[in-house]
Every structure is written in C-alpha cells, then in structure tokens.
Amino acid sequence: AGARADRAASSPSGVESVTRRIRYSVAMSLDGFIATEDGGYDWIPTDDDLDFASYLGKIGTLLMGRGTYEVMLAQDDPWAAFPGMDVVVVSTTLRARDHPDATIINDDVVTAVTSLKNQAGKDIWLFGGGVLFRSLLESQLVDRVEIGVIPKLLGQGIPLVPGLASIAKLELHSSESFPNSGIALLKYDVMDSD
C-alpha cells in the first residue's frame, strides 16, 4: 500500500500535476477542534514565519462545504486572499444560479470531485469542514492531510474529523515548528486502504 500523493506526478516546476492532489490543510487546537461550536476561528494566531504565499502558489482550487462557504461570504471581500482560484462548494441546498462565482456540487460528490482531480492544474485545497473531509477521506479522495496544531485547548467545538467509519492510515511527509506562535505544522500522506 502506498501514498496516493506519490501518484500525483509533478511537473519539473512542482506545481502542475497529472492528477491534482486534494490537500486538507487546516488549523487544529491541541485537543482536536478546527473551530469553536459556532464556527469561530479567532483563536488561531497568525505567524509571519508561515509561508502562506508559497502554499497558495501550489493551489488552484478551493473546495469547501456550504458551512465554510457561508462563513467566507460573511467576510468583507472574502476571496481577496485567493486571487484567480476556482471556488467549488459541496452543498445539497445551494443553487448554482444563486452563486455565479462558485461551482456548486449538489449530488454525486465522488464523481464530481474525481473529475475535478483529473483536470489539469494546481492542487485542490479542501478548505475547512470536517464533515466534508470525512466524506472525501472515506471515499479515498484526499491525498494529503496538513495540520497546523495550535497550542490552545478549546474543550469543545467542531472536531477535525467527526464520525470517521474506520481507521485512516497516514504516513508522515514532513513536520515543522514555529517558535513565535508555538504552531507545529504536520503534513501526512494518506495511505491506500488495504
């Protein structure tokens, strides 16, 4: 059994892939929550030593669930930090005609996301949303899990992966620590299930 990320062959530039990877990159409290119960994330510190621009240079598409999308829409100029990126939202309730700046996936998520991965381009950032992460992980569509562990204990909130049906095998790709904020960045490749 090997890592799915290994099969996402990169070009010499390291950016364009034959099969785009889905990278679940998220901040998580030390006790396993990605947001407060009301979806808040103001507990996540910023750290200038994290090279966010470099990360974004490898991403061409933001993939998210309805909840994360609605949190983003509530912000002033929500997509300013993500210029030129495609926004794809998985939702059974949103209508595409009401959201012309996003692609809405209403049904057959596995087929739609598989098709998205097979399009030429940069990687796909699975942006927030533990439920969508769980669903795509169980469907063997997530290639890498990148967790910024924040040195805070929330006690309650939205878990990293709620209700996972079985054990997901991961292999450490890399780790890095940021002393100014105390953040530990852990990157894991998702292993093929047996």
Protein backbone atom coordinates (compact mmCIF):
# COMPACT_ATOMS: atom_id res chain seq x y z
CA ALA A 1 0.00 0.00 0.00
CA GLY A 2 1.40 3.34 -0.97
CA ALA A 3 0.61 7.00 -0.51
CA ARG A 4 -1.85 8.45 -3.01
CA ALA A 5 0.12 11.71 -3.04
CA ASP A 6 3.06 9.83 -4.57
CA ARG A 7 0.98 9.04 -7.62
CA ALA A 8 0.17 12.71 -8.22
CA ALA A 9 3.14 13.16 -10.53
CA SER A 10 4.51 16.70 -10.56
CA SER A 11 5.99 18.54 -13.48
CA PRO A 12 9.52 19.95 -13.21
CA SER A 13 8.03 23.16 -11.72
CA GLY A 14 6.49 21.09 -8.94
CA VAL A 15 3.15 22.84 -9.31
CA GLU A 16 1.11 21.33 -12.12
CA SER A 17 0.09 17.73 -11.56
CA VAL A 18 -1.19 14.99 -13.84
CA THR A 19 -3.68 14.17 -11.10
CA ARG A 20 -4.25 17.08 -8.80
CA ARG A 21 -3.92 16.33 -5.12
CA ILE A 22 -6.60 17.16 -2.60
CA ARG A 23 -4.87 18.65 0.41
CA TYR A 24 -6.84 19.02 3.60
CA SER A 25 -4.96 21.88 5.22
CA VAL A 26 -6.44 23.20 8.43
CA ALA A 27 -5.61 24.67 11.82
CA MET A 28 -6.50 22.47 14.79
CA SER A 29 -6.42 23.06 18.53
CA LEU A 30 -4.25 20.74 20.58
CA ASP A 31 -7.43 18.94 21.68
CA GLY A 32 -8.59 18.23 18.11
CA PHE A 33 -11.00 21.02 17.13
CA ILE A 34 -10.87 23.07 13.92
CA ALA A 35 -13.36 25.72 15.06
CA THR A 36 -15.47 26.71 18.02
CA GLU A 37 -19.00 25.30 18.17
CA ASP A 38 -20.31 28.37 16.30
CA GLY A 39 -17.64 28.05 13.58
CA GLY A 40 -15.36 30.70 15.07
CA TYR A 41 -11.67 30.70 14.33
CA ASP A 42 -10.46 33.90 16.02
CA TRP A 43 -8.41 31.72 18.41
CA ILE A 44 -5.99 30.86 15.59
CA PRO A 45 -2.87 33.05 15.76
CA THR A 46 -1.06 34.46 12.78
CA ASP A 47 2.61 33.77 12.30
CA ASP A 48 4.66 35.67 9.74
CA ASP A 49 7.13 32.77 9.60
CA LEU A 50 4.48 30.56 7.93
CA ASP A 51 4.96 30.98 4.17
CA PHE A 52 1.31 31.22 3.19
CA ALA A 53 2.11 32.78 -0.21
CA SER A 54 4.23 29.79 -1.17
CA TYR A 55 1.44 27.41 -0.17
CA LEU A 56 -1.14 29.37 -2.17
CA GLY A 57 1.16 29.25 -5.19
CA LYS A 58 0.58 25.47 -5.28
CA ILE A 59 -3.24 25.75 -5.06
CA GLY A 60 -5.63 26.35 -7.95
CA THR A 61 -8.98 25.42 -6.41
CA LEU A 62 -10.67 25.89 -3.06
CA LEU A 63 -13.06 23.03 -2.24
CA MET A 64 -15.41 23.52 0.69
CA GLY A 65 -18.76 22.66 2.19
CA ARG A 66 -21.70 25.01 2.49
CA GLY A 67 -20.92 25.99 6.09
CA THR A 68 -17.38 27.14 5.32
CA TYR A 69 -18.60 28.88 2.17
CA GLU A 70 -21.20 30.83 4.13
CA VAL A 71 -18.62 31.85 6.74
CA MET A 72 -16.40 33.12 3.91
CA LEU A 73 -19.25 35.03 2.24
CA ALA A 74 -19.95 36.86 5.51
CA GLN A 75 -16.49 38.47 5.35
CA ASP A 76 -15.61 41.67 3.54
CA ASP A 77 -14.02 40.74 0.20
CA PRO A 78 -13.81 37.03 1.09
CA TRP A 79 -11.78 35.92 -1.90
CA ALA A 80 -9.13 38.70 -1.86
CA ALA A 81 -6.52 36.36 -0.37
CA PHE A 82 -7.20 33.79 -3.10
CA PRO A 83 -6.90 35.65 -6.42
CA GLY A 84 -7.61 33.61 -9.52
CA MET A 85 -8.62 30.48 -7.63
CA ASP A 86 -11.70 28.50 -8.51
CA VAL A 87 -14.21 28.06 -5.69
CA VAL A 88 -16.09 24.75 -5.55
CA VAL A 89 -18.81 24.20 -2.93
CA VAL A 90 -20.42 20.89 -1.97
CA SER A 91 -24.00 21.52 -0.88
CA THR A 92 -27.38 19.87 -1.20
CA THR A 93 -29.19 23.16 -0.56
CA LEU A 94 -27.38 25.88 -2.53
CA ARG A 95 -28.45 26.55 -6.11
CA ALA A 96 -25.81 27.26 -8.74
CA ARG A 97 -27.78 30.15 -10.25
CA ASP A 98 -27.63 31.98 -6.91
CA HIS A 99 -23.82 31.66 -6.71
CA PRO A 100 -22.36 32.51 -10.12
CA ASP A 101 -18.82 32.96 -8.76
CA ALA A 102 -18.64 29.38 -7.48
CA THR A 103 -19.18 25.90 -8.83
CA ILE A 104 -21.84 24.16 -6.77
CA ILE A 105 -21.81 20.36 -6.48
CA ASN A 106 -25.29 19.22 -5.43
CA ASP A 107 -25.09 15.47 -5.95
CA ASP A 108 -22.78 12.60 -6.89
CA VAL A 109 -19.96 14.26 -4.97
CA VAL A 110 -17.48 11.41 -5.51
CA THR A 111 -17.81 11.57 -9.30
CA ALA A 112 -17.67 15.38 -9.37
CA VAL A 113 -14.61 15.59 -7.11
CA THR A 114 -12.86 12.76 -9.00
CA SER A 115 -13.44 14.72 -12.21
CA LEU A 116 -12.07 17.85 -10.54
CA LYS A 117 -8.91 15.98 -9.50
CA ASN A 118 -8.42 14.72 -13.05
CA GLN A 119 -8.45 18.21 -14.57
CA ALA A 120 -5.09 19.79 -15.34
CA GLY A 121 -3.96 22.40 -12.87
CA LYS A 122 -2.64 23.09 -9.44
CA ASP A 123 -3.63 21.21 -6.29
CA ILE A 124 -7.01 21.47 -4.59
CA TRP A 125 -7.26 22.85 -1.06
CA LEU A 126 -10.01 21.17 0.92
CA PHE A 127 -10.78 24.30 2.87
CA GLY A 128 -12.33 23.76 6.31
CA GLY A 129 -15.22 21.45 7.01
CA GLY A 130 -14.60 18.28 9.00
CA VAL A 131 -17.73 16.56 7.64
CA LEU A 132 -16.70 17.06 4.00
CA PHE A 133 -13.16 15.97 4.90
CA ARG A 134 -14.50 12.76 6.46
CA SER A 135 -16.68 12.03 3.42
CA LEU A 136 -13.87 12.57 0.91
CA LEU A 137 -11.36 10.69 3.08
CA GLU A 138 -13.70 7.69 3.31
CA SER A 139 -14.10 7.86 -0.49
CA GLN A 140 -10.29 7.75 -0.83
CA LEU A 141 -10.12 11.15 -2.50
CA VAL A 142 -7.90 13.01 -0.01
CA ASP A 143 -4.18 12.77 -0.75
CA ARG A 144 -2.55 14.81 2.00
CA VAL A 145 -3.57 15.98 5.47
CA GLU A 146 -1.77 19.13 6.64
CA ILE A 147 -2.50 20.14 10.22
CA GLY A 148 -1.32 23.33 11.86
CA VAL A 149 -1.53 22.32 15.53
CA ILE A 150 -2.33 25.43 17.56
CA PRO A 151 -1.16 25.44 21.20
CA LYS A 152 -4.61 26.10 22.63
CA LEU A 153 -7.22 23.85 24.22
CA LEU A 154 -10.80 24.68 23.23
CA GLY A 155 -12.56 21.99 25.26
CA GLN A 156 -15.35 21.78 22.69
CA GLY A 157 -16.01 22.75 19.10
CA ILE A 158 -16.05 21.30 15.60
CA PRO A 159 -13.79 18.21 15.53
CA LEU A 160 -11.12 17.60 12.90
CA VAL A 161 -12.91 14.53 11.58
CA PRO A 162 -16.32 13.74 13.10
CA GLY A 163 -17.57 10.16 13.00
CA LEU A 164 -14.90 8.51 10.86
CA ALA A 165 -16.15 4.99 9.97
CA SER A 166 -12.75 3.28 10.03
CA ILE A 167 -9.10 3.95 10.70
CA ALA A 168 -7.36 6.04 8.05
CA LYS A 169 -3.67 5.24 7.64
CA LEU A 170 -1.34 8.22 7.29
CA GLU A 171 2.39 8.47 6.71
CA LEU A 172 4.40 11.45 7.94
CA HIS A 173 5.58 13.56 5.00
CA SER A 174 7.16 16.38 6.99
CA SER A 175 6.94 18.43 10.16
CA GLU A 176 7.95 21.93 11.06
CA SER A 177 7.65 24.08 14.17
CA PHE A 178 7.21 27.83 14.51
CA PRO A 179 8.56 29.09 17.86
CA ASN A 180 6.99 32.57 17.64
CA SER A 181 3.44 31.17 17.71
CA GLY A 182 4.07 27.66 19.00
CA ILE A 183 2.40 26.19 15.90
CA ALA A 184 3.51 22.72 14.80
CA LEU A 185 2.83 22.03 11.12
CA LEU A 186 2.38 18.32 10.42
CA LYS A 187 1.97 17.01 6.88
CA TYR A 188 0.81 13.44 6.28
CA ASP A 189 0.25 11.50 3.08
CA VAL A 190 -2.91 9.40 3.09
CA MET A 191 -2.10 5.73 2.54
CA ASP A 192 -4.15 3.45 0.32
CA SER A 193 -6.54 1.31 2.30
CA ASP A 194 -5.89 -2.42 2.24
